[in-house]
Structure formats: C-alpha cells, structure tokens
C-alpha cells in the first residue's frame, strides 16, 4: 500500500498537469477589441467548474495509479532499480 504522503506528492503535479490540459476547454474569446482587453482573454473562464472537474479527473487517474501499483501490475521498484 502506498503511503498517503507518496500519493499526495504524485497527485499534486498530476493535478497541475491535468489543470493546464483542461484550462483551454470551452474557452470563448472576448469579442471586443478595445483598449484594456487582451486578444486572447476569455469572456467567461469558468474556473470553479474547471477546478472541480480537474480534481475529480486527477483523482480518478491517481486511483488507477494506486490500484495498478498495489496489484503489482507495474512494479516501480524493479523498473528504477539498476
């Protein structure tokens, strides 16, 4: 069984990686071209929804990693020991 600290320190970069993958999904550009608006600024970012979905998505991926590791389908110790 993986330690909670190990799971957390694997999940944290996984969360950020998936967050940057999910971030551009569903972005609609701001239609106005005037002073003060960036050309690529989203009209509505929906960050709360994306953070929630990202947490669930990365949690599922982390659960798969833990299950695969605990069932010894992938043995990390053998792969990295030389």
N, C-alpha and C. Protein backbone atom coordinates (compact mmCIF):
# COMPACT_ATOMS: atom_id res chain seq x y z
N UNK A 1 0.84 -1.19 0.00
CA UNK A 1 0.00 0.00 0.00
C UNK A 1 0.88 1.24 0.00
N UNK A 2 0.52 2.19 -0.84
CA UNK A 2 1.27 3.44 -0.92
C UNK A 2 0.95 4.32 0.29
N UNK A 3 1.96 5.04 0.77
CA UNK A 3 1.75 5.98 1.86
C UNK A 3 0.93 7.18 1.37
N UNK A 4 0.24 7.81 2.30
CA UNK A 4 -0.58 8.98 1.95
C UNK A 4 0.30 10.11 1.42
N UNK A 5 1.48 10.27 1.99
CA UNK A 5 2.37 11.34 1.52
C UNK A 5 2.86 11.06 0.09
N UNK A 6 3.12 9.81 -0.22
CA UNK A 6 3.53 9.44 -1.58
C UNK A 6 2.41 9.71 -2.56
N UNK A 7 1.20 9.33 -2.18
CA UNK A 7 0.04 9.56 -3.04
C UNK A 7 -0.14 11.06 -3.28
N UNK A 8 -0.01 11.86 -2.22
CA UNK A 8 -0.19 13.31 -2.36
C UNK A 8 0.86 13.91 -3.27
N UNK A 9 2.13 13.51 -3.10
CA UNK A 9 3.20 14.11 -3.90
C UNK A 9 3.23 13.60 -5.33
N UNK A 10 2.53 12.55 -5.64
CA UNK A 10 2.34 12.15 -7.03
C UNK A 10 1.12 12.87 -7.60
N UNK A 11 0.07 12.99 -6.77
CA UNK A 11 -1.17 13.62 -7.21
C UNK A 11 -1.01 15.12 -7.48
N UNK A 12 -0.21 15.81 -6.69
CA UNK A 12 -0.08 17.26 -6.83
C UNK A 12 0.43 17.69 -8.22
N UNK A 13 1.55 17.16 -8.71
CA UNK A 13 1.94 17.56 -10.08
C UNK A 13 0.97 17.03 -11.14
N UNK A 14 0.34 15.88 -10.85
CA UNK A 14 -0.67 15.34 -11.77
C UNK A 14 -1.85 16.30 -11.85
N UNK A 15 -2.26 16.87 -10.71
CA UNK A 15 -3.36 17.83 -10.68
C UNK A 15 -3.02 19.04 -11.54
N UNK A 16 -1.82 19.59 -11.39
CA UNK A 16 -1.43 20.77 -12.17
C UNK A 16 -1.33 20.45 -13.65
N UNK A 17 -0.81 19.28 -13.98
CA UNK A 17 -0.71 18.89 -15.38
C UNK A 17 -2.08 18.80 -16.01
N UNK A 18 -3.00 18.11 -15.35
CA UNK A 18 -4.35 17.99 -15.90
C UNK A 18 -5.08 19.33 -15.89
N UNK A 19 -4.79 20.20 -14.92
CA UNK A 19 -5.42 21.52 -14.88
C UNK A 19 -5.05 22.33 -16.11
N UNK A 20 -3.78 22.31 -16.48
CA UNK A 20 -3.37 23.07 -17.66
C UNK A 20 -3.87 22.42 -18.95
N UNK A 21 -4.20 21.13 -18.90
CA UNK A 21 -4.81 20.49 -20.06
C UNK A 21 -6.29 20.85 -20.18
N UNK A 22 -6.99 20.97 -19.05
CA UNK A 22 -8.42 21.25 -19.03
C UNK A 22 -8.70 22.74 -19.20
N UNK A 23 -7.78 23.58 -18.80
CA UNK A 23 -7.99 25.02 -18.79
C UNK A 23 -8.49 25.62 -20.11
N UNK A 24 -7.95 25.25 -21.27
CA UNK A 24 -8.44 25.88 -22.50
C UNK A 24 -9.74 25.30 -23.05
N UNK A 25 -10.29 24.26 -22.44
CA UNK A 25 -11.51 23.63 -22.95
C UNK A 25 -12.69 24.57 -22.73
N UNK A 26 -13.46 24.80 -23.76
CA UNK A 26 -14.67 25.61 -23.68
C UNK A 26 -14.43 27.10 -23.57
N UNK A 27 -13.26 27.56 -23.94
CA UNK A 27 -12.97 29.00 -23.84
C UNK A 27 -13.54 29.72 -25.04
N UNK A 28 -14.30 30.76 -24.77
CA UNK A 28 -14.81 31.63 -25.82
C UNK A 28 -14.09 32.96 -25.69
N UNK A 29 -13.55 33.44 -26.76
CA UNK A 29 -12.79 34.68 -26.74
C UNK A 29 -13.71 35.88 -26.52
N UNK A 30 -13.16 36.86 -25.89
CA UNK A 30 -13.89 38.11 -25.68
C UNK A 30 -14.02 38.80 -27.03
N UNK A 31 -15.21 39.17 -27.42
CA UNK A 31 -15.45 39.71 -28.75
C UNK A 31 -15.00 41.14 -28.95
N UNK A 32 -14.81 41.90 -27.89
CA UNK A 32 -14.48 43.31 -28.04
C UNK A 32 -13.00 43.51 -28.29
N UNK A 33 -12.70 44.37 -29.22
CA UNK A 33 -11.32 44.74 -29.50
C UNK A 33 -11.15 46.20 -29.12
N UNK A 34 -10.90 46.45 -27.86
CA UNK A 34 -10.70 47.82 -27.42
C UNK A 34 -9.58 47.85 -26.39
N UNK A 35 -9.21 49.04 -26.02
CA UNK A 35 -8.11 49.21 -25.09
C UNK A 35 -8.47 48.59 -23.73
N UNK A 36 -7.55 47.81 -23.20
CA UNK A 36 -7.76 47.18 -21.90
C UNK A 36 -8.10 45.71 -21.97
N UNK A 37 -8.38 45.19 -23.15
CA UNK A 37 -8.70 43.78 -23.31
C UNK A 37 -7.58 43.09 -24.07
N UNK A 38 -7.13 41.95 -23.56
CA UNK A 38 -6.15 41.15 -24.29
C UNK A 38 -6.87 40.40 -25.40
N UNK A 39 -6.18 40.15 -26.48
CA UNK A 39 -6.80 39.48 -27.62
C UNK A 39 -7.27 38.07 -27.28
N UNK A 40 -6.56 37.38 -26.40
CA UNK A 40 -6.92 36.01 -26.06
C UNK A 40 -7.66 35.87 -24.75
N UNK A 41 -8.13 36.97 -24.19
CA UNK A 41 -8.82 36.92 -22.89
C UNK A 41 -10.17 36.22 -23.05
N UNK A 42 -10.47 35.27 -22.17
CA UNK A 42 -11.76 34.58 -22.27
C UNK A 42 -12.90 35.48 -21.78
N UNK A 43 -14.08 35.28 -22.39
CA UNK A 43 -15.25 36.04 -21.96
C UNK A 43 -15.70 35.56 -20.58
N UNK A 44 -15.66 34.26 -20.35
CA UNK A 44 -16.01 33.68 -19.06
C UNK A 44 -15.09 32.49 -18.84
N UNK A 45 -14.30 32.51 -17.79
CA UNK A 45 -13.28 31.49 -17.58
C UNK A 45 -13.83 30.20 -16.98
N UNK A 46 -14.91 30.26 -16.17
CA UNK A 46 -15.48 29.08 -15.50
C UNK A 46 -14.45 28.34 -14.66
N UNK A 47 -13.65 29.06 -13.91
CA UNK A 47 -12.57 28.43 -13.15
C UNK A 47 -13.06 27.49 -12.06
N UNK A 48 -14.12 27.84 -11.36
CA UNK A 48 -14.62 26.96 -10.29
C UNK A 48 -15.03 25.60 -10.85
N UNK A 49 -15.74 25.63 -11.96
CA UNK A 49 -16.19 24.38 -12.60
C UNK A 49 -14.99 23.57 -13.09
N UNK A 50 -14.00 24.25 -13.67
CA UNK A 50 -12.82 23.55 -14.19
C UNK A 50 -11.97 22.98 -13.06
N UNK A 51 -11.88 23.69 -11.94
CA UNK A 51 -11.12 23.18 -10.79
C UNK A 51 -11.80 21.94 -10.23
N UNK A 52 -13.13 21.96 -10.12
CA UNK A 52 -13.87 20.80 -9.63
C UNK A 52 -13.68 19.60 -10.55
N UNK A 53 -13.90 19.80 -11.85
CA UNK A 53 -13.73 18.70 -12.80
C UNK A 53 -12.29 18.19 -12.82
N UNK A 54 -11.34 19.10 -12.71
CA UNK A 54 -9.95 18.70 -12.72
C UNK A 54 -9.60 17.87 -11.49
N UNK A 55 -10.13 18.24 -10.33
CA UNK A 55 -9.87 17.49 -9.11
C UNK A 55 -10.45 16.08 -9.23
N UNK A 56 -11.64 15.96 -9.77
CA UNK A 56 -12.23 14.64 -9.97
C UNK A 56 -11.44 13.82 -10.99
N UNK A 57 -11.07 14.45 -12.09
CA UNK A 57 -10.32 13.77 -13.16
C UNK A 57 -8.96 13.29 -12.66
N UNK A 58 -8.22 14.17 -11.98
CA UNK A 58 -6.91 13.77 -11.48
C UNK A 58 -7.03 12.74 -10.35
N UNK A 59 -8.12 12.79 -9.59
CA UNK A 59 -8.36 11.79 -8.56
C UNK A 59 -8.59 10.41 -9.14
N UNK A 60 -9.32 10.35 -10.25
CA UNK A 60 -9.54 9.06 -10.93
C UNK A 60 -8.22 8.51 -11.48
N UNK A 61 -7.44 9.37 -12.09
CA UNK A 61 -6.14 8.93 -12.61
C UNK A 61 -5.25 8.44 -11.47
N UNK A 62 -5.25 9.16 -10.35
CA UNK A 62 -4.44 8.75 -9.20
C UNK A 62 -4.93 7.44 -8.62
N UNK A 63 -6.24 7.23 -8.59
CA UNK A 63 -6.79 5.96 -8.11
C UNK A 63 -6.33 4.80 -9.00
N UNK A 64 -6.30 5.02 -10.30
CA UNK A 64 -5.81 3.98 -11.23
C UNK A 64 -4.34 3.69 -10.96
N UNK A 65 -3.54 4.73 -10.73
CA UNK A 65 -2.12 4.54 -10.44
C UNK A 65 -1.93 3.74 -9.16
N UNK A 66 -2.71 4.06 -8.13
CA UNK A 66 -2.60 3.33 -6.85
C UNK A 66 -3.01 1.88 -7.02
N UNK A 67 -4.10 1.63 -7.74
CA UNK A 67 -4.56 0.25 -7.95
C UNK A 67 -3.53 -0.55 -8.74
N UNK A 68 -3.02 0.04 -9.81
CA UNK A 68 -2.02 -0.66 -10.63
C UNK A 68 -0.76 -0.95 -9.82
N UNK A 69 -0.38 -0.05 -8.97
CA UNK A 69 0.81 -0.24 -8.14
C UNK A 69 0.57 -1.28 -7.06
N UNK A 70 -0.58 -1.22 -6.40
CA UNK A 70 -0.87 -2.17 -5.33
C UNK A 70 -1.07 -3.59 -5.84
N UNK A 71 -1.61 -3.74 -7.03
CA UNK A 71 -1.78 -5.07 -7.61
C UNK A 71 -0.50 -5.59 -8.26
N UNK A 72 0.54 -4.76 -8.22
CA UNK A 72 1.86 -5.08 -8.78
C UNK A 72 1.80 -5.41 -10.27
N UNK A 73 0.87 -4.76 -10.96
CA UNK A 73 0.84 -4.86 -12.41
C UNK A 73 2.07 -4.13 -12.96
N UNK A 74 2.39 -3.01 -12.33
CA UNK A 74 3.61 -2.29 -12.63
C UNK A 74 4.40 -2.23 -11.33
N UNK A 75 5.61 -2.73 -11.35
CA UNK A 75 6.45 -2.72 -10.16
C UNK A 75 7.51 -1.63 -10.33
N UNK A 76 7.29 -0.49 -9.68
CA UNK A 76 8.18 0.65 -9.84
C UNK A 76 9.57 0.37 -9.31
N UNK A 77 9.66 -0.44 -8.26
CA UNK A 77 10.98 -0.71 -7.67
C UNK A 77 11.87 -1.47 -8.65
N UNK A 78 11.32 -2.40 -9.37
CA UNK A 78 12.11 -3.15 -10.36
C UNK A 78 12.46 -2.29 -11.57
N UNK A 79 11.55 -1.39 -11.94
CA UNK A 79 11.78 -0.57 -13.11
C UNK A 79 12.92 0.43 -12.90
N UNK A 80 13.02 0.98 -11.68
CA UNK A 80 14.01 2.03 -11.42
C UNK A 80 15.25 1.55 -10.70
N UNK A 81 15.27 0.29 -10.29
CA UNK A 81 16.47 -0.25 -9.63
C UNK A 81 17.42 -0.79 -10.70
N UNK A 82 18.65 -0.34 -10.61
CA UNK A 82 19.63 -0.82 -11.59
C UNK A 82 20.91 -1.18 -10.92
